[in-house]
Amino acid sequence: MTIMSKMTLEERIEMSLRRSMAMVFLRKEFDKFGGYDQVGRALRGVINKGLLIKAGYGVYVKAKKSALTGKPVPVVPLIEIGIDVLTKLGVKPALGTSAKEYMDGKTTQMPMAAVLNVGSSRVSRRIGFGSKSIRYETSDS
């Protein structure tokens, strides 16, 4: 018997997360570990341990403990989560208009909402956690 077979599915997923350089994961990336229901139970266990946060339907993000509240928070900013997820789903996202203008120095107003431009793609998926979520804007390019 190998050591791998003595590990629970949850432990195998945790080890995979520790080894991975990625911060954002789609549900289908965990399919290699087993059946849908079995993986779902293991992911809930990993979430309960505070190692992952669910950031939408089939979207998981590595987590760390918040210094303020002690609750799990994502290790990357919301806008980066949105860009990673949409890229993995085959959409080519860009920063929203207000964020671009701020970064180009055209305005001093810092954008408050996380907005991504999805071009002509139709995206309705909610990506976020807690009360924060990504908003989408479209442009015909």
Protein backbone atom coordinates (compact mmCIF):
# COMPACT_ATOMS: atom_id res chain seq x y z
CA MET A 1 0.00 0.00 0.00
CA THR A 2 1.19 3.47 -0.78
CA ILE A 3 1.02 6.43 1.54
CA MET A 4 -1.31 8.16 -0.93
CA SER A 5 -4.04 5.55 -0.44
CA LYS A 6 -4.05 6.01 3.36
CA MET A 7 -4.85 9.73 3.03
CA THR A 8 -8.46 10.85 3.05
CA LEU A 9 -9.81 12.71 0.03
CA GLU A 10 -9.93 15.90 2.09
CA GLU A 11 -6.23 15.51 3.01
CA ARG A 12 -5.32 14.89 -0.64
CA ILE A 13 -7.15 18.08 -1.68
CA GLU A 14 -5.43 20.06 1.12
CA MET A 15 -2.02 18.78 -0.02
CA SER A 16 -2.84 19.71 -3.62
CA LEU A 17 -3.83 23.23 -2.51
CA ARG A 18 -0.59 23.68 -0.57
CA ARG A 19 1.46 22.62 -3.60
CA SER A 20 -0.47 24.70 -6.13
CA MET A 21 0.72 28.16 -7.10
CA ALA A 22 -2.81 29.02 -8.27
CA MET A 23 -5.03 31.02 -5.92
CA VAL A 24 -8.36 30.55 -7.71
CA PHE A 25 -9.89 27.18 -8.62
CA LEU A 26 -12.91 25.98 -10.56
CA ARG A 27 -14.89 22.98 -9.32
CA LYS A 28 -13.89 20.90 -12.35
CA GLU A 29 -10.22 21.15 -11.32
CA PHE A 30 -11.02 18.86 -8.36
CA ASP A 31 -12.73 16.17 -10.48
CA LYS A 32 -9.50 14.14 -10.63
CA PHE A 33 -9.88 13.33 -6.91
CA GLY A 34 -13.08 11.32 -7.15
CA GLY A 35 -16.82 11.39 -7.70
CA TYR A 36 -18.83 14.61 -7.71
CA ASP A 37 -20.59 14.09 -4.35
CA GLN A 38 -17.46 12.77 -2.64
CA VAL A 39 -15.38 15.75 -3.81
CA GLY A 40 -18.17 18.13 -2.77
CA ARG A 41 -18.13 16.76 0.79
CA ALA A 42 -14.33 17.02 0.93
CA LEU A 43 -14.42 20.62 -0.35
CA ARG A 44 -16.99 21.54 2.33
CA GLY A 45 -14.58 20.11 4.91
CA VAL A 46 -11.69 22.16 3.52
CA ILE A 47 -13.91 25.28 3.58
CA ASN A 48 -14.88 24.58 7.21
CA LYS A 49 -11.17 24.40 8.10
CA GLY A 50 -10.73 27.89 6.60
CA LEU A 51 -8.35 26.88 3.80
CA LEU A 52 -10.75 27.75 0.98
CA ILE A 53 -13.57 30.23 0.43
CA LYS A 54 -16.43 29.65 -1.98
CA ALA A 55 -16.59 32.72 -4.22
CA GLY A 56 -19.44 31.72 -6.49
CA TYR A 57 -20.96 28.73 -8.21
CA GLY A 58 -18.05 26.32 -8.69
CA VAL A 59 -15.46 28.96 -7.74
CA TYR A 60 -13.06 28.47 -4.84
CA VAL A 61 -10.26 30.75 -3.58
CA LYS A 62 -7.38 30.04 -1.21
CA ALA A 63 -8.02 31.67 2.16
CA LYS A 64 -6.13 33.00 5.16
CA LYS A 65 -7.33 34.07 8.59
CA SER A 66 -8.25 37.76 8.84
CA ALA A 67 -6.13 39.72 11.33
CA LEU A 68 -9.21 41.78 12.25
CA THR A 69 -12.04 39.26 12.52
CA GLY A 70 -10.27 35.91 12.63
CA LYS A 71 -12.56 34.66 9.85
CA PRO A 72 -11.22 33.32 6.54
CA VAL A 73 -10.63 35.92 3.81
CA PRO A 74 -9.30 35.44 0.25
CA VAL A 75 -5.53 35.71 -0.21
CA VAL A 76 -5.98 37.76 -3.42
CA PRO A 77 -8.09 40.87 -4.16
CA LEU A 78 -11.61 40.43 -5.55
CA ILE A 79 -10.73 41.95 -8.93
CA GLU A 80 -7.91 39.38 -9.36
CA ILE A 81 -10.32 36.57 -8.46
CA GLY A 82 -12.71 37.80 -11.15
CA ILE A 83 -9.98 38.04 -13.79
CA ASP A 84 -8.69 34.53 -12.99
CA VAL A 85 -12.15 32.94 -13.03
CA LEU A 86 -13.28 34.58 -16.26
CA THR A 87 -9.97 33.71 -17.95
CA LYS A 88 -10.39 30.06 -16.92
CA LEU A 89 -13.93 30.17 -18.34
CA GLY A 90 -12.66 31.44 -21.71
CA VAL A 91 -13.64 35.12 -21.36
CA LYS A 92 -11.02 37.83 -21.92
CA PRO A 93 -11.69 40.32 -19.09
CA ALA A 94 -10.14 43.77 -18.71
CA LEU A 95 -10.33 46.37 -15.98
CA GLY A 96 -13.47 48.49 -15.96
CA THR A 97 -13.49 52.00 -17.43
CA SER A 98 -13.26 53.82 -14.09
CA ALA A 99 -10.31 51.69 -12.91
CA LYS A 100 -8.49 52.27 -16.23
CA GLU A 101 -9.02 56.03 -16.01
CA TYR A 102 -7.68 56.04 -12.44
CA MET A 103 -4.61 54.00 -13.38
CA ASP A 104 -3.94 56.22 -16.43
CA GLY A 105 -4.09 59.31 -14.21
CA LYS A 106 -7.14 60.75 -15.99
CA THR A 107 -9.02 60.99 -12.69
CA THR A 108 -8.17 61.07 -9.00
CA GLN A 109 -11.36 59.30 -7.99
CA MET A 110 -10.55 55.79 -6.87
CA PRO A 111 -13.16 53.26 -8.08
CA MET A 112 -15.11 51.75 -5.18
CA ALA A 113 -16.69 48.81 -7.00
CA ALA A 114 -14.79 45.94 -8.60
CA VAL A 115 -15.78 46.24 -12.26
CA LEU A 116 -14.53 44.10 -15.14
CA ASN A 117 -15.07 44.79 -18.81
CA VAL A 118 -16.03 41.53 -20.54
CA GLY A 119 -16.15 42.95 -24.08
CA SER A 120 -19.04 41.47 -26.03
CA SER A 121 -19.22 38.30 -23.87
CA ARG A 122 -22.40 37.60 -21.96
CA VAL A 123 -21.54 36.94 -18.32
CA SER A 124 -24.10 36.63 -15.54
CA ARG A 125 -22.12 34.57 -13.02
CA ARG A 126 -21.89 36.06 -9.53
CA ILE A 127 -18.29 36.12 -8.36
CA GLY A 128 -17.67 37.43 -4.86
CA PHE A 129 -17.83 36.72 -1.16
CA GLY A 130 -19.74 38.26 1.69
CA SER A 131 -21.40 41.44 0.44
CA LYS A 132 -18.75 42.16 -2.22
CA SER A 133 -19.12 40.97 -5.79
CA ILE A 134 -17.78 41.71 -9.25
CA ARG A 135 -19.82 43.90 -11.57
CA TYR A 136 -19.58 43.59 -15.35
CA GLU A 137 -19.57 46.15 -18.11
CA THR A 138 -19.60 45.42 -21.82
CA SER A 139 -18.07 47.18 -24.78
CA ASP A 140 -18.33 46.40 -28.45
CA SER A 141 -14.75 46.07 -29.58
